[in-house]
Amino acid sequence: MIYYAEDDKSIRELVVYTLQSTGYEARGVENGEALFAAIREQPPELILLDIMLPGEDGISILKKLRASDDTKDIPVILLTAKGSEYDKVKGLDCGADDYITKPFGMMETVSRVRAVLRRAQRREDGEVYRCGPIELNVKTHRVYVDGAPVELTYKEFALLKYLLQNEGIALTRDMLLEKIWGYDFDGETRTADVHIRTLRAKLGDAGKYVETVRGVGYRIGGEG
C-alpha cells in the first residue's frame, strides 16, 4: 500500500490513479490526521507526502513518522511546489528518502517510487549493496571494485555503506556526521569531506560514483 497525502483533490486522485494503473495499491488522504489514521489501519510500504498541507505541514508529519518506532523505517517521498535548495535540504535532513518538485510528471513519480522501494528492499535484505563496479558485503565487511578487494577503515566502510543504502539521494554533511560519527561528534563538517576524499582515492576510478552535490553534500549513484 502507498499513501499519498495531498489536499488538492484533483492532483491526489490523478497520482493515486496513476499508481493503481501501474500495479500499485494506493490510497489518497487529505491531511496529516487522515494519514496517521490510515497508517494505524494499515501500515504502508511507502508514503508520498506534500509539504504544504492544511493544519500540520509535511515536514512536521515527517518528523513524527521518523520519531516513532512503528513508522521510522517507512520510505517517504516529499512532493511539493517548493523547489529551493533550503527546502530540499530541510526535507532530507528530516529523513525524506527522495524529493520531487511540482509540477511533476506522472511517469517520473512512478519511476521515483520504484527506485525508493528498491532501496528499501535492499535495506531490508541488508547483505550486499552494489553501484556500478562497487560491491559492499555487510556480512563479510568487505568491499570490491570490479571484483578486486579494497581495504577501507571502519569509518570509510560505514560511510560507503550509508551512501549505498541511500543510492541516488543527496546526503548533507550534517546527516553523514550524525549517522557515521554520532550525535555527540563535535568535529567540523570538513571531517566528512576528508573521509569522502580518502574513500574516493581508495575506490580508484570508481571514486567518480561518489558525487559532490553543490550546496548540499554527497550522493552515490552515477558517474560524477
Protein backbone atom coordinates (compact mmCIF):
# COMPACT_ATOMS: atom_id res chain seq x y z
CA MET A 1 0.00 0.00 0.00
CA ILE A 2 1.15 3.53 -0.88
CA TYR A 3 -0.44 6.56 0.80
CA TYR A 4 -0.45 9.99 -0.82
CA ALA A 5 -1.13 12.95 1.49
CA GLU A 6 -2.27 15.89 -0.67
CA ASP A 7 -5.01 18.45 -0.03
CA ASP A 8 -5.64 19.17 -3.73
CA LYS A 9 -8.26 16.58 -4.67
CA SER A 10 -7.58 16.62 -8.42
CA ILE A 11 -3.83 16.09 -8.01
CA ARG A 12 -4.40 13.46 -5.31
CA GLU A 13 -6.81 11.47 -7.47
CA LEU A 14 -4.54 11.69 -10.54
CA VAL A 15 -1.48 10.40 -8.68
CA VAL A 16 -3.44 7.61 -6.97
CA TYR A 17 -4.98 6.59 -10.31
CA THR A 18 -1.54 6.54 -11.97
CA LEU A 19 -0.07 4.39 -9.20
CA GLN A 20 -3.01 1.99 -9.34
CA SER A 21 -2.82 1.73 -13.13
CA THR A 22 0.87 0.78 -12.88
CA GLY A 23 0.21 -2.07 -10.47
CA TYR A 24 0.45 -0.45 -7.04
CA GLU A 25 -2.18 -0.42 -4.32
CA ALA A 26 -2.61 3.26 -3.47
CA ARG A 27 -4.85 5.49 -1.39
CA GLY A 28 -5.12 9.27 -1.06
CA VAL A 29 -5.62 11.26 2.13
CA GLU A 30 -6.15 14.99 2.53
CA ASN A 31 -4.14 15.82 5.67
CA GLY A 32 -1.87 14.53 8.41
CA GLU A 33 -4.68 13.40 10.68
CA ALA A 34 -6.14 11.22 7.93
CA LEU A 35 -2.67 9.89 7.10
CA PHE A 36 -1.95 8.72 10.65
CA ALA A 37 -5.42 7.18 10.88
CA ALA A 38 -4.74 5.25 7.66
CA ILE A 39 -1.34 4.11 8.95
CA ARG A 40 -2.94 2.75 12.12
CA GLU A 41 -5.41 0.86 9.95
CA GLN A 42 -2.80 -0.48 7.51
CA PRO A 43 0.93 0.37 7.59
CA PRO A 44 2.09 1.33 4.06
CA GLU A 45 5.14 0.34 2.03
CA LEU A 46 5.73 4.00 1.13
CA ILE A 47 4.29 7.47 1.73
CA LEU A 48 4.08 10.32 -0.76
CA LEU A 49 3.86 13.48 1.33
CA ASP A 50 3.06 17.02 0.26
CA ILE A 51 4.73 19.71 2.37
CA MET A 52 2.02 22.37 2.09
CA LEU A 53 -0.84 20.61 3.86
CA PRO A 54 -3.62 22.29 5.85
CA GLY A 55 -3.08 22.11 9.60
CA GLU A 56 0.08 20.13 10.24
CA ASP A 57 2.58 20.57 7.41
CA GLY A 58 4.55 17.80 5.71
CA ILE A 59 7.84 18.48 7.48
CA SER A 60 6.18 18.21 10.89
CA ILE A 61 4.46 14.99 9.82
CA LEU A 62 7.76 13.59 8.53
CA LYS A 63 9.44 14.34 11.86
CA LYS A 64 6.67 12.47 13.70
CA LEU A 65 7.00 9.50 11.34
CA ARG A 66 10.75 9.30 11.93
CA ALA A 67 10.37 9.70 15.71
CA SER A 68 8.10 6.67 16.09
CA ASP A 69 9.45 3.11 16.17
CA ASP A 70 6.35 1.96 14.28
CA THR A 71 6.87 4.31 11.30
CA LYS A 72 10.55 5.34 11.33
CA ASP A 73 11.51 2.91 8.54
CA ILE A 74 8.64 3.68 6.15
CA PRO A 75 10.10 5.29 2.99
CA VAL A 76 8.83 8.84 2.40
CA ILE A 77 8.97 10.89 -0.80
CA LEU A 78 8.20 14.60 -0.43
CA LEU A 79 6.15 16.20 -3.22
CA THR A 80 5.88 19.97 -3.06
CA ALA A 81 5.78 23.20 -5.01
CA LYS A 82 8.74 24.42 -3.01
CA GLY A 83 11.90 23.93 -5.05
CA SER A 84 14.64 25.82 -3.24
CA GLU A 85 17.81 24.11 -2.08
CA TYR A 86 16.91 25.05 1.51
CA ASP A 87 13.59 23.18 1.37
CA LYS A 88 15.24 20.15 -0.23
CA VAL A 89 17.98 20.05 2.40
CA LYS A 90 15.44 20.54 5.20
CA GLY A 91 13.33 17.65 3.91
CA LEU A 92 16.33 15.34 3.53
CA ASP A 93 17.64 16.33 6.96
CA CYS A 94 14.32 15.32 8.46
CA GLY A 95 14.60 11.86 6.91
CA ALA A 96 12.91 12.04 3.50
CA ASP A 97 14.03 9.32 1.08
CA ASP A 98 13.50 11.47 -2.01
CA TYR A 99 12.16 14.84 -3.10
CA ILE A 100 10.04 15.71 -6.15
CA THR A 101 9.20 19.31 -7.05
CA LYS A 102 5.84 20.31 -8.56
CA PRO A 103 4.88 20.33 -11.35
CA PHE A 104 5.98 16.72 -11.78
CA GLY A 105 5.31 14.13 -14.46
CA MET A 106 3.34 11.04 -13.54
CA MET A 107 5.84 8.63 -15.07
CA GLU A 108 8.70 10.36 -13.25
CA THR A 109 6.79 9.92 -9.99
CA VAL A 110 6.24 6.22 -10.67
CA SER A 111 9.94 5.84 -11.50
CA ARG A 112 10.94 7.53 -8.23
CA VAL A 113 8.52 5.32 -6.29
CA ARG A 114 10.04 2.19 -7.83
CA ALA A 115 13.57 3.38 -7.06
CA VAL A 116 12.80 4.17 -3.40
CA LEU A 117 11.00 0.85 -2.94
CA ARG A 118 14.02 -0.98 -4.41
CA ARG A 119 16.34 0.81 -1.99
CA ALA A 120 14.02 -0.03 0.89
CA GLN A 121 14.05 -3.69 -0.10
CA ARG A 122 17.86 -3.68 -0.21
CA ARG A 123 17.93 -2.13 3.26
CA GLU A 124 15.73 -4.98 4.49
CA ASP A 125 17.93 -7.58 2.79
CA GLY A 126 20.92 -5.72 4.20
CA GLU A 127 23.63 -8.01 2.85
CA VAL A 128 25.12 -6.82 -0.43
CA TYR A 129 24.97 -3.33 -1.96
CA ARG A 130 26.15 -2.54 -5.49
CA CYS A 131 26.65 0.59 -7.54
CA GLY A 132 28.44 0.30 -10.87
CA PRO A 133 31.66 -1.68 -10.23
CA ILE A 134 31.41 -1.15 -6.45
CA GLU A 135 30.19 -4.01 -4.25
CA LEU A 136 29.88 -3.88 -0.46
CA ASN A 137 29.16 -7.03 1.55
CA VAL A 138 27.80 -6.29 5.02
CA LYS A 139 28.21 -9.79 6.44
CA THR A 140 31.85 -10.21 5.41
CA HIS A 141 32.63 -6.49 5.87
CA ARG A 142 34.41 -6.43 2.51
CA VAL A 143 34.38 -4.01 -0.42
CA TYR A 144 35.24 -4.84 -4.04
CA VAL A 145 35.74 -2.77 -7.17
CA ASP A 146 35.48 -4.80 -10.37
CA GLY A 147 35.97 -7.89 -8.22
CA ALA A 148 39.22 -6.66 -6.66
CA PRO A 149 39.22 -6.17 -2.84
CA VAL A 150 39.56 -2.65 -1.45
CA GLU A 151 40.83 -2.04 2.07
CA LEU A 152 38.82 0.58 3.95
CA THR A 153 38.93 1.85 7.51
CA TYR A 154 35.90 1.25 9.74
CA LYS A 155 34.60 4.81 9.17
CA GLU A 156 35.20 4.67 5.42
CA PHE A 157 33.27 1.38 5.24
CA ALA A 158 30.39 2.85 7.28
CA LEU A 159 30.38 5.96 5.09
CA LEU A 160 30.27 3.95 1.84
CA LYS A 161 27.56 1.69 3.26
CA TYR A 162 25.40 4.67 4.23
CA LEU A 163 25.80 6.21 0.77
CA LEU A 164 24.88 2.90 -0.91
CA GLN A 165 21.87 2.42 1.37
CA ASN A 166 20.63 5.80 0.10
CA GLU A 167 21.65 5.42 -3.55
CA GLY A 168 20.68 8.42 -5.64
CA ILE A 169 19.87 10.58 -2.60
CA ALA A 170 21.86 13.69 -1.74
CA LEU A 171 23.05 13.40 1.87
CA THR A 172 24.11 16.53 3.74
CA ARG A 173 27.36 16.71 5.67
CA ASP A 174 25.37 17.00 8.89
CA MET A 175 23.49 13.80 8.05
CA LEU A 176 26.78 12.00 7.43
CA LEU A 177 28.29 13.28 10.67
CA GLU A 178 25.21 12.28 12.67
CA LYS A 179 24.99 8.81 11.15
CA ILE A 180 28.69 7.88 10.99
CA TRP A 181 30.15 9.79 13.94
CA GLY A 182 27.10 10.08 16.20
CA TYR A 183 25.06 12.92 17.71
CA ASP A 184 27.85 13.91 20.09
CA PHE A 185 30.54 14.24 17.45
CA ASP A 186 31.95 17.75 17.86
CA GLY A 187 34.24 17.88 14.82
CA GLU A 188 33.78 20.20 11.87
CA THR A 189 31.94 19.27 8.70
CA ARG A 190 35.34 19.12 6.98
CA THR A 191 35.72 15.72 8.63
CA ALA A 192 33.14 14.32 6.21
CA ASP A 193 34.92 15.97 3.27
CA VAL A 194 38.26 14.43 4.26
CA HIS A 195 36.79 10.94 4.57
CA ILE A 196 34.97 11.29 1.24
CA ARG A 197 38.28 12.29 -0.37
CA THR A 198 40.15 9.27 1.04
CA LEU A 199 37.24 6.97 0.15
CA ARG A 200 37.29 8.17 -3.46
CA ALA A 201 41.06 7.67 -3.65
CA LYS A 202 40.81 4.08 -2.41
CA LEU A 203 37.99 3.30 -4.85
CA GLY A 204 40.21 4.42 -7.74
CA ASP A 205 38.33 5.07 -10.98
CA ALA A 206 35.10 4.01 -9.23
CA GLY A 207 35.52 7.02 -6.92
CA LYS A 208 33.68 9.05 -9.57
CA TYR A 209 30.46 7.34 -8.46
CA VAL A 210 30.67 9.31 -5.19
CA GLU A 211 29.34 12.65 -6.40
CA THR A 212 29.55 16.09 -4.82
CA VAL A 213 26.15 17.84 -4.75
CA ARG A 214 26.93 21.53 -4.69
CA GLY A 215 25.44 23.32 -1.70
CA VAL A 216 24.10 20.07 -0.21
CA GLY A 217 26.64 17.29 0.35
CA TYR A 218 27.28 13.96 -1.36
CA ARG A 219 25.49 11.17 -3.15
CA ILE A 220 26.32 7.87 -4.83
CA GLY A 221 24.56 6.54 -7.85
CA GLY A 222 26.06 7.84 -11.06
CA GLU A 223 29.24 8.90 -12.74
CA GLY A 224 30.43 12.23 -11.43
